[in-house]
C-alpha atoms as a PDB file:
ATOM      1  CA  MET A   1     -33.963  46.887 -14.219  1.00  0.00           C
ATOM      2  CA  ARG A   2     -35.381  43.481 -13.353  1.00  0.00           C
ATOM      3  CA  ASP A   3     -34.177  41.715 -10.245  1.00  0.00           C
ATOM      4  CA  MET A   4     -31.751  38.870 -10.761  1.00  0.00           C
ATOM      5  CA  GLU A   5     -33.433  35.483 -10.841  1.00  0.00           C
ATOM      6  CA  ARG A   6     -32.185  33.262  -8.042  1.00  0.00           C
ATOM      7  CA  HIS A   7     -32.086  29.492  -8.303  1.00  0.00           C
ATOM      8  CA  LEU A   8     -31.449  27.448  -5.186  1.00  0.00           C
ATOM      9  CA  LEU A   9     -30.242  23.884  -4.759  1.00  0.00           C
ATOM     10  CA  ALA A  10     -30.889  22.714  -8.312  1.00  0.00           C
ATOM     11  CA  PRO A  11     -29.650  19.143  -8.960  1.00  0.00           C
ATOM     12  CA  GLY A  12     -26.815  19.231 -11.479  1.00  0.00           C
ATOM     13  CA  TYR A  13     -23.383  18.114 -12.639  1.00  0.00           C
ATOM     14  CA  VAL A  14     -20.252  19.964 -13.738  1.00  0.00           C
ATOM     15  CA  LEU A  15     -19.488  19.075 -17.364  1.00  0.00           C
ATOM     16  CA  HIS A  16     -16.494  21.321 -18.030  1.00  0.00           C
ATOM     17  CA  GLN A  17     -14.628  24.273 -16.544  1.00  0.00           C
ATOM     18  CA  HIS A  18     -11.803  26.606 -17.409  1.00  0.00           C
ATOM     19  CA  ALA A  19      -9.911  29.417 -15.755  1.00  0.00           C
ATOM     20  CA  TYR A  20     -11.314  32.944 -15.840  1.00  0.00           C
ATOM     21  CA  ARG A  21      -9.095  35.847 -14.844  1.00  0.00           C
ATOM     22  CA  ASP A  22      -6.849  35.313 -11.832  1.00  0.00           C
ATOM     23  CA  THR A  23      -8.989  33.487  -9.291  1.00  0.00           C
ATOM     24  CA  SER A  24     -12.245  32.523 -11.003  1.00  0.00           C
ATOM     25  CA  ARG A  25     -13.622  29.830 -13.289  1.00  0.00           C
ATOM     26  CA  ILE A  26     -16.314  29.513 -15.905  1.00  0.00           C
ATOM     27  CA  ILE A  27     -18.151  26.236 -15.492  1.00  0.00           C
ATOM     28  CA  GLU A  28     -20.555  24.417 -17.778  1.00  0.00           C
ATOM     29  CA  VAL A  29     -23.207  22.624 -15.748  1.00  0.00           C
ATOM     30  CA  PHE A  30     -26.046  20.308 -16.707  1.00  0.00           C
ATOM     31  CA  THR A  31     -29.068  20.644 -14.438  1.00  0.00           C
ATOM     32  CA  ARG A  32     -32.208  18.569 -14.319  1.00  0.00           C
ATOM     33  CA  GLU A  33     -34.724  21.436 -14.339  1.00  0.00           C
ATOM     34  CA  HIS A  34     -32.887  24.107 -16.330  1.00  0.00           C
ATOM     35  CA  GLY A  35     -30.728  22.188 -18.793  1.00  0.00           C
ATOM     36  CA  ARG A  36     -27.194  23.284 -19.636  1.00  0.00           C
ATOM     37  CA  LEU A  37     -25.860  26.555 -18.221  1.00  0.00           C
ATOM     38  CA  SER A  38     -22.634  28.535 -18.138  1.00  0.00           C
ATOM     39  CA  LEU A  39     -21.884  29.979 -14.708  1.00  0.00           C
ATOM     40  CA  PHE A  40     -19.184  32.273 -13.332  1.00  0.00           C
ATOM     41  CA  ALA A  41     -17.591  30.734 -10.251  1.00  0.00           C
ATOM     42  CA  ARG A  42     -15.937  33.833  -8.852  1.00  0.00           C
ATOM     43  CA  GLY A  43     -12.990  33.166  -6.561  1.00  0.00           C
ATOM     44  CA  ALA A  44     -13.202  29.405  -7.172  1.00  0.00           C
ATOM     45  CA  ARG A  45      -9.458  29.167  -7.848  1.00  0.00           C
ATOM     46  CA  ALA A  46      -8.515  30.957  -4.647  1.00  0.00           C
ATOM     47  CA  PRO A  47      -6.708  28.693  -2.132  1.00  0.00           C
ATOM     48  CA  ARG A  48      -9.375  29.059   0.550  1.00  0.00           C
ATOM     49  CA  SER A  49     -12.416  28.969  -1.704  1.00  0.00           C
ATOM     50  CA  THR A  50     -15.255  26.737  -0.504  1.00  0.00           C
ATOM     51  CA  LEU A  51     -16.196  26.141  -4.161  1.00  0.00           C
ATOM     52  CA  ARG A  52     -12.833  24.776  -5.202  1.00  0.00           C
ATOM     53  CA  ALA A  53     -13.200  21.254  -3.808  1.00  0.00           C
ATOM     54  CA  ALA A  54     -16.870  20.895  -4.786  1.00  0.00           C
ATOM     55  CA  LEU A  55     -16.535  21.648  -8.503  1.00  0.00           C
ATOM     56  CA  ARG A  56     -15.556  18.152  -9.583  1.00  0.00           C
ATOM     57  CA  PRO A  57     -16.874  16.278 -12.613  1.00  0.00           C
ATOM     58  CA  PHE A  58     -19.177  13.274 -12.221  1.00  0.00           C
ATOM     59  CA  GLN A  59     -20.417  14.302  -8.766  1.00  0.00           C
ATOM     60  CA  PRO A  60     -24.141  14.889  -8.122  1.00  0.00           C
ATOM     61  CA  LEU A  61     -24.427  18.439  -6.830  1.00  0.00           C
ATOM     62  CA  LEU A  62     -26.972  20.938  -5.572  1.00  0.00           C
ATOM     63  CA  ILE A  63     -26.183  24.186  -7.380  1.00  0.00           C
ATOM     64  CA  SER A  64     -27.313  27.701  -6.500  1.00  0.00           C
ATOM     65  CA  TRP A  65     -26.842  30.730  -8.757  1.00  0.00           C
ATOM     66  CA  ALA A  66     -28.282  34.099  -9.750  1.00  0.00           C
ATOM     67  CA  GLY A  67     -28.796  35.394 -13.271  1.00  0.00           C
ATOM     68  CA  ARG A  68     -31.308  36.277 -15.964  1.00  0.00           C
ATOM     69  CA  SER A  69     -30.157  33.974 -18.769  1.00  0.00           C
ATOM     70  CA  GLU A  70     -28.066  30.869 -19.430  1.00  0.00           C
ATOM     71  CA  SER A  71     -25.101  32.735 -17.897  1.00  0.00           C
ATOM     72  CA  GLY A  72     -25.173  33.517 -14.195  1.00  0.00           C
ATOM     73  CA  ASN A  73     -23.096  33.858 -11.064  1.00  0.00           C
ATOM     74  CA  LEU A  74     -22.561  30.710  -9.029  1.00  0.00           C
ATOM     75  CA  SER A  75     -23.312  31.327  -5.350  1.00  0.00           C
ATOM     76  CA  ALA A  76     -23.101  27.908  -3.679  1.00  0.00           C
ATOM     77  CA  VAL A  77     -22.472  24.220  -4.395  1.00  0.00           C
ATOM     78  CA  GLU A  78     -22.909  21.209  -2.182  1.00  0.00           C
ATOM     79  CA  LEU A  79     -22.585  17.482  -2.735  1.00  0.00           C
ATOM     80  CA  ALA A  80     -25.896  15.679  -3.245  1.00  0.00           C
ATOM     81  CA  GLY A  81     -26.017  12.026  -2.276  1.00  0.00           C
ATOM     82  CA  ASP A  82     -23.122   9.617  -2.346  1.00  0.00           C
ATOM     83  CA  PHE A  83     -19.702  10.529  -3.709  1.00  0.00           C
ATOM     84  CA  VAL A  84     -19.206   8.942  -7.137  1.00  0.00           C
ATOM     85  CA  GLN A  85     -15.657   7.733  -7.798  1.00  0.00           C
ATOM     86  CA  LEU A  86     -14.973   6.630 -11.364  1.00  0.00           C
ATOM     87  CA  PRO A  87     -12.023   4.247 -11.699  1.00  0.00           C
ATOM     88  CA  ALA A  88      -9.101   5.704 -13.643  1.00  0.00           C
ATOM     89  CA  ALA A  89      -9.859   3.349 -16.534  1.00  0.00           C
ATOM     90  CA  ARG A  90     -13.389   4.809 -16.802  1.00  0.00           C
ATOM     91  CA  LEU A  91     -12.553   8.513 -16.692  1.00  0.00           C
ATOM     92  CA  MET A  92     -12.390   8.902 -20.475  1.00  0.00           C
ATOM     93  CA  SER A  93     -15.787   7.216 -20.755  1.00  0.00           C
ATOM     94  CA  GLY A  94     -17.136   9.784 -18.312  1.00  0.00           C
ATOM     95  CA  PHE A  95     -15.603  12.650 -20.284  1.00  0.00           C
ATOM     96  CA  TYR A  96     -17.159  11.187 -23.438  1.00  0.00           C
ATOM     97  CA  LEU A  97     -20.604  11.439 -21.829  1.00  0.00           C
ATOM     98  CA  ASN A  98     -19.867  15.023 -20.805  1.00  0.00           C
ATOM     99  CA  GLU A  99     -18.771  15.949 -24.309  1.00  0.00           C
ATOM    100  CA  LEU A 100     -21.933  14.486 -25.817  1.00  0.00           C
ATOM    101  CA  LEU A 101     -24.008  16.684 -23.516  1.00  0.00           C
ATOM    102  CA  LEU A 102     -21.924  19.750 -24.360  1.00  0.00           C
ATOM    103  CA  ARG A 103     -22.210  19.176 -28.111  1.00  0.00           C
ATOM    104  CA  LEU A 104     -25.761  17.908 -28.478  1.00  0.00           C
ATOM    105  CA  THR A 105     -27.865  19.728 -25.873  1.00  0.00           C
ATOM    106  CA  GLY A 106     -28.890  23.372 -26.084  1.00  0.00           C
ATOM    107  CA  ARG A 107     -28.575  25.956 -23.371  1.00  0.00           C
ATOM    108  CA  MET A 108     -31.611  26.443 -21.141  1.00  0.00           C
ATOM    109  CA  ASP A 109     -33.226  23.373 -22.727  1.00  0.00           C
ATOM    110  CA  PRO A 110     -34.181  20.941 -19.935  1.00  0.00           C
ATOM    111  CA  HIS A 111     -33.983  17.204 -20.574  1.00  0.00           C
ATOM    112  CA  PRO A 112     -34.874  15.456 -17.291  1.00  0.00           C
ATOM    113  CA  GLY A 113     -34.782  12.063 -18.984  1.00  0.00           C
ATOM    114  CA  VAL A 114     -31.255  12.669 -20.260  1.00  0.00           C
ATOM    115  CA  TYR A 115     -30.213  13.902 -16.820  1.00  0.00           C
ATOM    116  CA  ASP A 116     -31.477  10.684 -15.233  1.00  0.00           C
ATOM    117  CA  ALA A 117     -29.814   8.566 -17.953  1.00  0.00           C
ATOM    118  CA  TYR A 118     -26.530  10.390 -17.315  1.00  0.00           C
ATOM    119  CA  ALA A 119     -26.740   9.729 -13.574  1.00  0.00           C
ATOM    120  CA  ASP A 120     -27.489   6.045 -14.253  1.00  0.00           C
ATOM    121  CA  ALA A 121     -24.541   5.818 -16.654  1.00  0.00           C
ATOM    122  CA  LEU A 122     -22.108   7.281 -14.121  1.00  0.00           C
ATOM    123  CA  HIS A 123     -23.172   4.813 -11.440  1.00  0.00           C
ATOM    124  CA  ALA A 124     -22.839   1.949 -13.920  1.00  0.00           C
ATOM    125  CA  LEU A 125     -19.358   3.118 -14.971  1.00  0.00           C
ATOM    126  CA  ALA A 126     -18.327   3.212 -11.323  1.00  0.00           C
ATOM    127  CA  LYS A 127     -19.409  -0.403 -10.764  1.00  0.00           C
ATOM    128  CA  GLN A 128     -19.206  -2.417 -13.986  1.00  0.00           C
ATOM    129  CA  ASP A 129     -16.137  -4.101 -15.433  1.00  0.00           C
ATOM    130  CA  SER A 130     -16.914  -3.065 -19.020  1.00  0.00           C
ATOM    131  CA  PRO A 131     -18.058   0.475 -19.870  1.00  0.00           C
ATOM    132  CA  GLU A 132     -19.710  -0.566 -23.139  1.00  0.00           C
ATOM    133  CA  PRO A 133     -23.245  -1.399 -21.902  1.00  0.00           C
ATOM    134  CA  ALA A 134     -23.463   1.875 -19.954  1.00  0.00           C
ATOM    135  CA  LEU A 135     -22.247   3.927 -22.922  1.00  0.00           C
ATOM    136  CA  ARG A 136     -24.617   2.273 -25.392  1.00  0.00           C
ATOM    137  CA  ARG A 137     -27.590   2.686 -23.068  1.00  0.00           C
ATOM    138  CA  PHE A 138     -26.845   6.389 -22.568  1.00  0.00           C
ATOM    139  CA  GLU A 139     -26.332   7.003 -26.296  1.00  0.00           C
ATOM    140  CA  LYS A 140     -29.668   5.372 -27.094  1.00  0.00           C
ATOM    141  CA  ARG A 141     -31.585   7.327 -24.454  1.00  0.00           C
ATOM    142  CA  LEU A 142     -29.915  10.605 -25.415  1.00  0.00           C
ATOM    143  CA  LEU A 143     -30.848  10.180 -29.083  1.00  0.00           C
ATOM    144  CA  GLU A 144     -34.419   9.261 -28.194  1.00  0.00           C
ATOM    145  CA  ASP A 145     -34.877  12.230 -25.868  1.00  0.00           C
ATOM    146  CA  LEU A 146     -33.475  14.655 -28.436  1.00  0.00           C
ATOM    147  CA  GLY A 147     -35.883  13.348 -31.080  1.00  0.00           C
ATOM    148  CA  TYR A 148     -33.344  11.385 -33.143  1.00  0.00           C
ATOM    149  CA  GLY A 149     -34.145   7.901 -31.917  1.00  0.00           C
ATOM    150  CA  THR A 150     -35.227   4.900 -33.946  1.00  0.00           C
ATOM    151  CA  ASP A 151     -37.765   2.222 -33.068  1.00  0.00           C
ATOM    152  CA  PHE A 152     -35.623  -0.880 -33.512  1.00  0.00           C
ATOM    153  CA  SER A 153     -38.499  -3.269 -32.863  1.00  0.00           C
ATOM    154  CA  VAL A 154     -40.478  -2.623 -36.093  1.00  0.00           C
ATOM    155  CA  THR A 155     -39.694  -2.123 -39.787  1.00  0.00           C
ATOM    156  CA  ASP A 156     -40.750   0.623 -42.157  1.00  0.00           C
ATOM    157  CA  GLN A 157     -43.619  -1.665 -43.164  1.00  0.00           C
ATOM    158  CA  GLY A 158     -44.900  -1.934 -39.608  1.00  0.00           C
ATOM    159  CA  GLU A 159     -43.715  -5.525 -39.240  1.00  0.00           C
ATOM    160  CA  ARG A 160     -42.134  -6.751 -36.031  1.00  0.00           C
ATOM    161  CA  VAL A 161     -38.397  -7.356 -36.191  1.00  0.00           C
ATOM    162  CA  VAL A 162     -37.805 -11.086 -35.810  1.00  0.00           C
ATOM    163  CA  PRO A 163     -34.680 -12.877 -34.514  1.00  0.00           C
ATOM    164  CA  GLY A 164     -34.118 -14.807 -37.740  1.00  0.00           C
ATOM    165  CA  GLY A 165     -34.349 -11.763 -40.018  1.00  0.00           C
ATOM    166  CA  PHE A 166     -31.684  -9.312 -41.219  1.00  0.00           C
ATOM    167  CA  TYR A 167     -32.101  -5.557 -41.406  1.00  0.00           C
ATOM    168  CA  HIS A 168     -30.663  -2.160 -42.257  1.00  0.00           C
ATOM    169  CA  ALA A 169     -30.638   0.279 -39.317  1.00  0.00           C
ATOM    170  CA  ARG A 170     -29.834   3.750 -40.630  1.00  0.00           C
ATOM    171  CA  PRO A 171     -29.668   6.995 -38.615  1.00  0.00           C
ATOM    172  CA  GLN A 172     -33.003   8.777 -38.232  1.00  0.00           C
ATOM    173  CA  ARG A 173     -34.754   6.356 -40.595  1.00  0.00           C
ATOM    174  CA  PRO A 174     -36.997   3.336 -40.025  1.00  0.00           C
ATOM    175  CA  VAL A 175     -35.496  -0.133 -39.942  1.00  0.00           C
ATOM    176  CA  ILE A 176     -35.837  -1.994 -43.254  1.00  0.00           C
ATOM    177  CA  ARG A 177     -35.572  -5.694 -43.980  1.00  0.00           C
ATOM    178  CA  CYS A 178     -32.629  -6.750 -46.164  1.00  0.00           C
ATOM    179  CA  ASP A 179     -30.667  -9.731 -47.447  1.00  0.00           C
ATOM    180  CA  SER A 180     -28.342 -11.439 -44.979  1.00  0.00           C
ATOM    181  CA  ALA A 181     -25.489 -11.328 -47.495  1.00  0.00           C
ATOM    182  CA  LEU A 182     -25.153  -7.531 -47.345  1.00  0.00           C
ATOM    183  CA  ALA A 183     -22.081  -6.322 -45.473  1.00  0.00           C
ATOM    184  CA  ASP A 184     -23.934  -4.036 -43.072  1.00  0.00           C
ATOM    185  CA  ALA A 185     -26.907  -6.346 -42.452  1.00  0.00           C
ATOM    186  CA  VAL A 186     -27.848  -6.546 -38.768  1.00  0.00           C
ATOM    187  CA  PRO A 187     -29.465  -9.688 -37.336  1.00  0.00           C
ATOM    188  CA  GLY A 188     -32.880  -9.211 -35.827  1.00  0.00           C
ATOM    189  CA  THR A 189     -31.647 -10.492 -32.473  1.00  0.00           C
ATOM    190  CA  SER A 190     -29.292  -7.519 -32.158  1.00  0.00           C
ATOM    191  CA  LEU A 191     -32.061  -5.016 -32.910  1.00  0.00           C
ATOM    192  CA  ILE A 192     -34.496  -6.666 -30.504  1.00  0.00           C
ATOM    193  CA  GLU A 193     -31.912  -6.586 -27.720  1.00  0.00           C
ATOM    194  CA  LEU A 194     -30.955  -3.004 -28.592  1.00  0.00           C
ATOM    195  CA  ALA A 195     -34.614  -1.965 -28.379  1.00  0.00           C
ATOM    196  CA  GLY A 196     -34.811  -3.597 -24.942  1.00  0.00           C
ATOM    197  CA  GLU A 197     -31.419  -2.171 -23.858  1.00  0.00           C
ATOM    198  CA  SER A 198     -30.068  -5.660 -23.233  1.00  0.00           C
ATOM    199  CA  PHE A 199     -26.339  -5.525 -23.932  1.00  0.00           C
ATOM    200  CA  GLU A 200     -25.084  -8.811 -22.532  1.00  0.00           C
ATOM    201  CA  ASN A 201     -24.399 -10.332 -25.974  1.00  0.00           C
ATOM    202  CA  GLU A 202     -21.081  -9.357 -27.589  1.00  0.00           C
ATOM    203  CA  ARG A 203     -22.591  -9.305 -31.085  1.00  0.00           C
ATOM    204  CA  THR A 204     -25.370  -7.013 -29.876  1.00  0.00           C
ATOM    205  CA  LEU A 205     -22.816  -4.668 -28.303  1.00  0.00           C
ATOM    206  CA  ARG A 206     -20.814  -4.449 -31.540  1.00  0.00           C
ATOM    207  CA  ASP A 207     -23.907  -3.841 -33.653  1.00  0.00           C
ATOM    208  CA  ALA A 208     -25.315  -1.319 -31.178  1.00  0.00           C
ATOM    209  CA  LYS A 209     -22.049   0.619 -31.116  1.00  0.00           C
ATOM    210  CA  ARG A 210     -21.967   0.884 -34.908  1.00  0.00           C
ATOM    211  CA  ILE A 211     -25.639   1.866 -35.205  1.00  0.00           C
ATOM    212  CA  LEU A 212     -25.693   4.402 -32.379  1.00  0.00           C
ATOM    213  CA  ARG A 213     -22.348   5.972 -33.273  1.00  0.00           C
ATOM    214  CA  ALA A 214     -23.570   6.494 -36.859  1.00  0.00           C
ATOM    215  CA  ALA A 215     -26.621   8.322 -35.501  1.00  0.00           C
ATOM    216  CA  ILE A 216     -24.461  10.469 -33.219  1.00  0.00           C
ATOM    217  CA  GLU A 217     -22.118  11.323 -36.096  1.00  0.00           C
ATOM    218  CA  MET A 218     -25.107  12.637 -38.041  1.00  0.00           C
ATOM    219  CA  CYS A 219     -26.141  14.796 -35.096  1.00  0.00           C
ATOM    220  CA  LEU A 220     -22.603  16.158 -34.720  1.00  0.00           C
ATOM    221  CA  ASP A 221     -22.689  17.289 -38.367  1.00  0.00           C
ATOM    222  CA  GLY A 222     -18.953  16.966 -38.963  1.00  0.00           C
ATOM    223  CA  ARG A 223     -17.766  18.066 -35.521  1.00  0.00           C
ATOM    224  CA  THR A 224     -15.261  15.774 -33.826  1.00  0.00           C
ATOM    225  CA  LEU A 225     -15.228  14.562 -30.242  1.00  0.00           C
ATOM    226  CA  GLY A 226     -11.930  15.023 -28.457  1.00  0.00           C
ATOM    227  CA  SER A 227     -12.686  12.304 -25.916  1.00  0.00           C
ATOM    228  CA  ARG A 228     -13.281   9.766 -28.672  1.00  0.00           C
ATOM    229  CA  THR A 229      -9.970  10.674 -30.327  1.00  0.00           C
ATOM    230  CA  VAL A 230      -8.145  10.179 -27.035  1.00  0.00           C
ATOM    231  CA  MET A 231      -9.848   6.823 -26.405  1.00  0.00           C
ATOM    232  CA  LYS A 232      -8.864   5.573 -29.875  1.00  0.00           C
ATOM    233  CA  ALA A 233      -5.260   6.597 -29.252  1.00  0.00           C
ATOM    234  CA  LEU A 234      -5.212   4.805 -25.908  1.00  0.00           C
ATOM    235  CA  HIS A 235      -6.638   1.618 -27.444  1.00  0.00           C
ATOM    236  CA  ALA A 236      -4.043   1.765 -30.232  1.00  0.00           C
ATOM    237  CA  ARG A 237      -1.227   1.877 -27.670  1.00  0.00           C
ATOM    238  CA  ASN A 238      -2.490  -1.146 -25.740  1.00  0.00           C
END
């Protein structure tokens, strides 16, 4: 029998966890070098467990475990860097990011660029008044890294998108020029700013949300996101 592979102090985040037997947990983690993993945190629910306080979402961690596949036994966790505290109003945005990673990334499939984009998004959510720019930037980078991105700066004819033009931006297809009278026509300014990840303009934010969410819906292939359902319900109540 092969020896168990041991991984020490891998940068990662806890995406989700649930109870396992009486005192343990199963945790889903997203690591920079190894991608998404499912780990058994044995004894993590015990009152005196050293793991209990460390296994929090949105915190940069150094994770150690042993195993031969995407499932292993967690051995140690420690906080890496500064403690990240998301305001209560931003928690659902954070859970939305986590759910995207759970639904759209494969196990043992590293995406260092996505990992870095996730870390950037969490820090932005902790500091910014509006979560929208951080969410749109992460969605764009996630789609690009997974191979589902679109070059919003050029058309299907190889022409540069211009501010005065209007365009169709469809999931996983090139941008095409269109008539400004069409209901879903997007001004060139919005696409140029989306390509440059500049989300200071309200019109750009609205257009980016519609375009990127349509691309994510295609990737989800009919699956729903619980965090998005909750956010819609909360907005409807306010």
